[in-house]
Amino acid sequence: SALDAAGLGEESVRGQIMTLFAAGHETTANGMGWTLHLLARHPEWQERVANECQTFLAGLKAEQANDPRAYRAGLPILTAAIDESHRMYPPIPIVGREALEDDVLSGGAKIPKGSTLVIFLYGLHRRPDLWVNANGFDPGRFLGERRAAIPAHAFFPFGFGPRVCGGASMAIIEELVVLAHLLAKVRVEPTLPEMPRALPILSLRPLGDTRLRMIQR
């Protein structure tokens, strides 16, 4: 109804809804999977997340159970772990943009009008000139003053500008709710010595065996 009221037209509204359903399940599932794999290999952060989730859920009032704002406000450590997972393994690793005018990059490369620019988010999020310990898992970089110090446009796992992912907020809430209830009850441990390899196609999928061991707390 909101899209229709905005004057997008029936075909555009249908396209937006189809995109939300088609693109909004696999990417979120992959995002949660990468987060669980990273926490399984960093038990100190997993315990901090678990303690936060247990405390939060124990104090959650009935009227807050379905309020996304409660989860976002009450789970800063889990949110930071999810953000760090999205930095290292962005659900959509590549985004494209069309140049509306001729342009020149800071390095001197010319961009003709109408060119398609491909932005490799996976690589951008791991640039050592933008991130300290770029290939290391450190959710603390998304907490407090360290989060405020992140360079502009160094982190955008859901794209940016007017074409930013329409389901970004929904994806974060889904991950917060599912992971909070899961990690409050179980501890996850790796079954393989290394992280799964990443397969960067339309979404960033794990390649090969992705099993984890779950132990009830």
Protein backbone atom coordinates (compact mmCIF):
# COMPACT_ATOMS: atom_id res chain seq x y z
CA SER A 1 0.00 0.00 0.00
CA ALA A 2 2.85 2.40 0.83
CA LEU A 3 4.56 1.70 -2.49
CA ASP A 4 1.30 2.17 -4.38
CA ALA A 5 0.64 5.43 -2.55
CA ALA A 6 4.10 6.60 -3.63
CA GLY A 7 2.92 6.40 -7.24
CA LEU A 8 5.26 3.64 -8.41
CA GLY A 9 2.62 1.83 -10.43
CA GLU A 10 1.48 -1.80 -10.32
CA GLU A 11 4.42 -3.27 -12.26
CA SER A 12 7.02 -1.47 -10.15
CA VAL A 13 5.27 -2.41 -6.90
CA ARG A 14 5.19 -6.05 -7.98
CA GLY A 15 8.87 -5.91 -8.86
CA GLN A 16 9.78 -4.44 -5.48
CA ILE A 17 7.81 -7.11 -3.60
CA MET A 18 9.25 -9.95 -5.69
CA THR A 19 12.77 -8.63 -5.06
CA LEU A 20 12.10 -8.46 -1.32
CA PHE A 21 11.03 -12.11 -1.19
CA ALA A 22 13.47 -13.49 -3.76
CA ALA A 23 16.56 -11.68 -2.47
CA GLY A 24 15.67 -11.51 1.20
CA HIS A 25 15.99 -15.13 2.33
CA GLU A 26 19.25 -16.58 0.99
CA THR A 27 21.31 -13.49 1.75
CA THR A 28 20.06 -13.34 5.34
CA ALA A 29 20.66 -17.06 5.84
CA ASN A 30 24.19 -16.72 4.45
CA GLY A 31 24.83 -13.73 6.71
CA MET A 32 23.79 -15.67 9.80
CA GLY A 33 25.87 -18.64 8.68
CA TRP A 34 29.05 -16.56 8.33
CA THR A 35 28.41 -14.94 11.73
CA LEU A 36 28.04 -18.33 13.41
CA HIS A 37 31.21 -19.66 11.78
CA LEU A 38 33.20 -16.61 12.93
CA LEU A 39 31.86 -16.77 16.49
CA ALA A 40 32.59 -20.51 16.62
CA ARG A 41 36.25 -19.70 15.93
CA HIS A 42 36.36 -16.82 18.42
CA PRO A 43 34.91 -18.23 21.65
CA GLU A 44 35.75 -15.12 23.67
CA TRP A 45 33.43 -13.04 21.50
CA GLN A 46 30.85 -15.82 21.39
CA GLU A 47 30.67 -15.81 25.20
CA ARG A 48 30.25 -12.03 25.29
CA VAL A 49 27.43 -12.30 22.75
CA ALA A 50 25.78 -15.20 24.61
CA ASN A 51 25.86 -13.38 27.95
CA GLU A 52 24.35 -10.29 26.35
CA CYS A 53 21.60 -12.32 24.66
CA GLN A 54 20.70 -14.19 27.84
CA THR A 55 20.48 -10.98 29.86
CA PHE A 56 18.49 -9.20 27.17
CA LEU A 57 15.96 -11.99 26.65
CA ALA A 58 15.49 -12.50 30.39
CA GLY A 59 14.53 -8.84 30.76
CA LEU A 60 12.45 -8.57 27.58
CA LYS A 61 8.91 -7.50 28.39
CA ALA A 62 5.96 -9.11 26.64
CA GLU A 63 5.07 -5.93 24.77
CA GLN A 64 8.64 -5.71 23.45
CA ALA A 65 8.81 -9.26 22.06
CA ASN A 66 7.78 -8.16 18.56
CA ASP A 67 9.37 -4.70 18.64
CA PRO A 68 12.45 -4.51 16.38
CA ARG A 69 13.62 -1.38 18.19
CA ALA A 70 14.05 -3.35 21.41
CA TYR A 71 16.43 -5.81 19.76
CA ARG A 72 18.48 -3.11 18.05
CA ALA A 73 18.80 -1.08 21.25
CA GLY A 74 19.38 -3.99 23.61
CA LEU A 75 21.97 -6.06 21.69
CA PRO A 76 24.94 -3.81 20.81
CA ILE A 77 27.55 -6.60 21.05
CA LEU A 78 25.56 -8.99 18.85
CA THR A 79 24.92 -6.13 16.41
CA ALA A 80 28.67 -5.44 16.29
CA ALA A 81 29.39 -9.13 15.64
CA ILE A 82 26.88 -9.14 12.78
CA ASP A 83 28.36 -5.95 11.32
CA GLU A 84 31.86 -7.40 11.51
CA SER A 85 30.64 -10.57 9.82
CA HIS A 86 29.05 -8.44 7.09
CA ARG A 87 32.33 -6.58 6.72
CA MET A 88 34.34 -9.74 6.20
CA TYR A 89 31.65 -11.64 4.30
CA PRO A 90 29.18 -9.14 2.79
CA PRO A 91 25.98 -11.00 1.78
CA ILE A 92 26.13 -9.28 -1.63
CA PRO A 93 29.85 -9.05 -2.51
CA ILE A 94 29.49 -6.97 -5.69
CA VAL A 95 27.25 -4.01 -6.60
CA GLY A 96 27.01 -2.14 -9.88
CA ARG A 97 26.31 1.50 -10.66
CA GLU A 98 25.89 3.41 -13.94
CA ALA A 99 27.83 6.64 -14.46
CA LEU A 100 25.33 9.40 -15.17
CA GLU A 101 28.02 11.81 -16.39
CA ASP A 102 31.67 11.71 -17.51
CA ASP A 103 33.93 11.58 -14.50
CA VAL A 104 37.58 11.12 -13.49
CA LEU A 105 38.70 9.07 -10.48
CA SER A 106 41.27 10.45 -8.05
CA GLY A 107 43.92 8.23 -9.66
CA GLY A 108 43.25 9.72 -13.08
CA ALA A 109 41.13 6.94 -14.62
CA LYS A 110 38.42 8.35 -16.89
CA ILE A 111 34.84 7.13 -16.48
CA PRO A 112 32.71 7.78 -19.59
CA LYS A 113 29.04 8.57 -19.19
CA GLY A 114 26.93 5.40 -19.36
CA SER A 115 29.74 3.15 -18.06
CA THR A 116 28.84 0.42 -15.58
CA LEU A 117 31.02 0.52 -12.49
CA VAL A 118 31.44 -2.71 -10.53
CA ILE A 119 32.26 -2.21 -6.85
CA PHE A 120 33.83 -5.21 -5.12
CA LEU A 121 32.57 -4.85 -1.55
CA TYR A 122 34.41 -7.95 -0.35
CA GLY A 123 37.71 -6.36 -1.31
CA LEU A 124 36.79 -2.86 -0.14
CA HIS A 125 35.86 -4.17 3.31
CA ARG A 126 39.30 -5.79 3.65
CA ARG A 127 41.51 -2.91 2.46
CA PRO A 128 44.40 -2.54 4.94
CA ASP A 129 44.52 1.22 4.38
CA LEU A 130 40.94 1.49 5.66
CA TRP A 131 40.83 -1.23 8.32
CA VAL A 132 43.28 -2.19 11.06
CA ASN A 133 43.83 -5.96 11.01
CA ALA A 134 41.60 -6.06 7.93
CA ASN A 135 41.44 -9.86 7.70
CA GLY A 136 40.91 -10.37 11.44
CA PHE A 137 37.57 -10.79 13.23
CA ASP A 138 37.15 -7.88 15.64
CA PRO A 139 33.56 -6.83 16.45
CA GLY A 140 34.99 -4.19 18.79
CA ARG A 141 35.64 -1.97 15.77
CA PHE A 142 31.84 -1.49 15.57
CA LEU A 143 31.41 -0.43 19.20
CA GLY A 144 31.52 3.06 20.68
CA GLU A 145 34.23 5.48 19.55
CA ARG A 146 35.85 2.93 17.26
CA ARG A 147 32.65 2.70 15.22
CA ALA A 148 32.52 6.47 14.89
CA ALA A 149 36.09 6.42 13.55
CA ILE A 150 35.30 4.13 10.59
CA PRO A 151 36.07 6.08 7.37
CA ALA A 152 33.10 7.26 5.34
CA HIS A 153 32.05 4.84 2.60
CA ALA A 154 34.40 2.14 3.90
CA PHE A 155 31.50 -0.07 5.00
CA PHE A 156 28.24 -0.56 3.12
CA PRO A 157 27.27 -4.27 2.96
CA PHE A 158 23.81 -3.42 1.61
CA GLY A 159 24.92 -0.94 -1.03
CA PHE A 160 24.49 2.82 -0.80
CA GLY A 161 22.62 5.79 -2.21
CA PRO A 162 19.07 5.75 -3.61
CA ARG A 163 19.51 2.11 -4.71
CA VAL A 164 20.50 0.81 -1.27
CA CYS A 165 18.98 -2.58 -0.48
CA GLY A 166 15.32 -2.11 0.45
CA GLY A 167 15.48 -5.04 2.85
CA ALA A 168 18.56 -3.94 4.82
CA SER A 169 16.71 -3.10 8.04
CA MET A 170 14.61 -6.25 7.82
CA ALA A 171 17.70 -8.41 7.31
CA ILE A 172 19.43 -6.97 10.39
CA ILE A 173 16.34 -7.50 12.54
CA GLU A 174 15.95 -11.08 11.29
CA GLU A 175 19.56 -11.86 12.12
CA LEU A 176 19.33 -10.22 15.55
CA VAL A 177 16.17 -12.10 16.54
CA VAL A 178 17.26 -15.52 15.28
CA LEU A 179 20.84 -15.32 16.57
CA ALA A 180 19.81 -13.89 19.95
CA HIS A 181 17.47 -16.79 20.68
CA LEU A 182 19.91 -19.36 19.30
CA LEU A 183 23.13 -18.19 20.96
CA ALA A 184 21.41 -17.72 24.32
CA LYS A 185 20.72 -21.46 24.32
CA VAL A 186 23.57 -23.15 22.46
CA ARG A 187 27.33 -22.87 22.02
CA VAL A 188 28.63 -23.34 18.48
CA GLU A 189 31.94 -25.03 17.71
CA PRO A 190 33.70 -25.59 14.37
CA THR A 191 33.98 -29.06 12.87
CA LEU A 192 36.76 -28.11 10.44
CA PRO A 193 40.07 -26.31 11.09
CA GLU A 194 39.47 -23.51 8.59
CA MET A 195 36.63 -21.17 7.67
CA PRO A 196 34.61 -22.29 4.63
CA ARG A 197 35.82 -20.79 1.38
CA ALA A 198 33.68 -17.96 0.04
CA LEU A 199 32.06 -18.25 -3.38
CA PRO A 200 31.35 -14.71 -4.65
CA ILE A 201 28.49 -14.99 -7.13
CA LEU A 202 25.23 -13.03 -6.85
CA SER A 203 25.38 -13.67 -3.11
CA LEU A 204 28.40 -14.66 -1.02
CA ARG A 205 27.84 -18.37 -0.42
CA PRO A 206 30.07 -20.78 1.49
CA LEU A 207 31.74 -23.40 -0.67
CA GLY A 208 31.91 -26.99 0.57
CA ASP A 209 31.25 -28.31 4.07
CA THR A 210 29.61 -25.72 6.34
CA ARG A 211 28.59 -27.81 9.35
CA LEU A 212 28.94 -26.57 12.92
CA ARG A 213 28.58 -28.42 16.22
CA MET A 214 25.90 -27.04 18.55
CA ILE A 215 26.05 -27.80 22.29
CA GLN A 216 23.22 -26.89 24.63
CA ARG A 217 24.21 -24.43 27.33
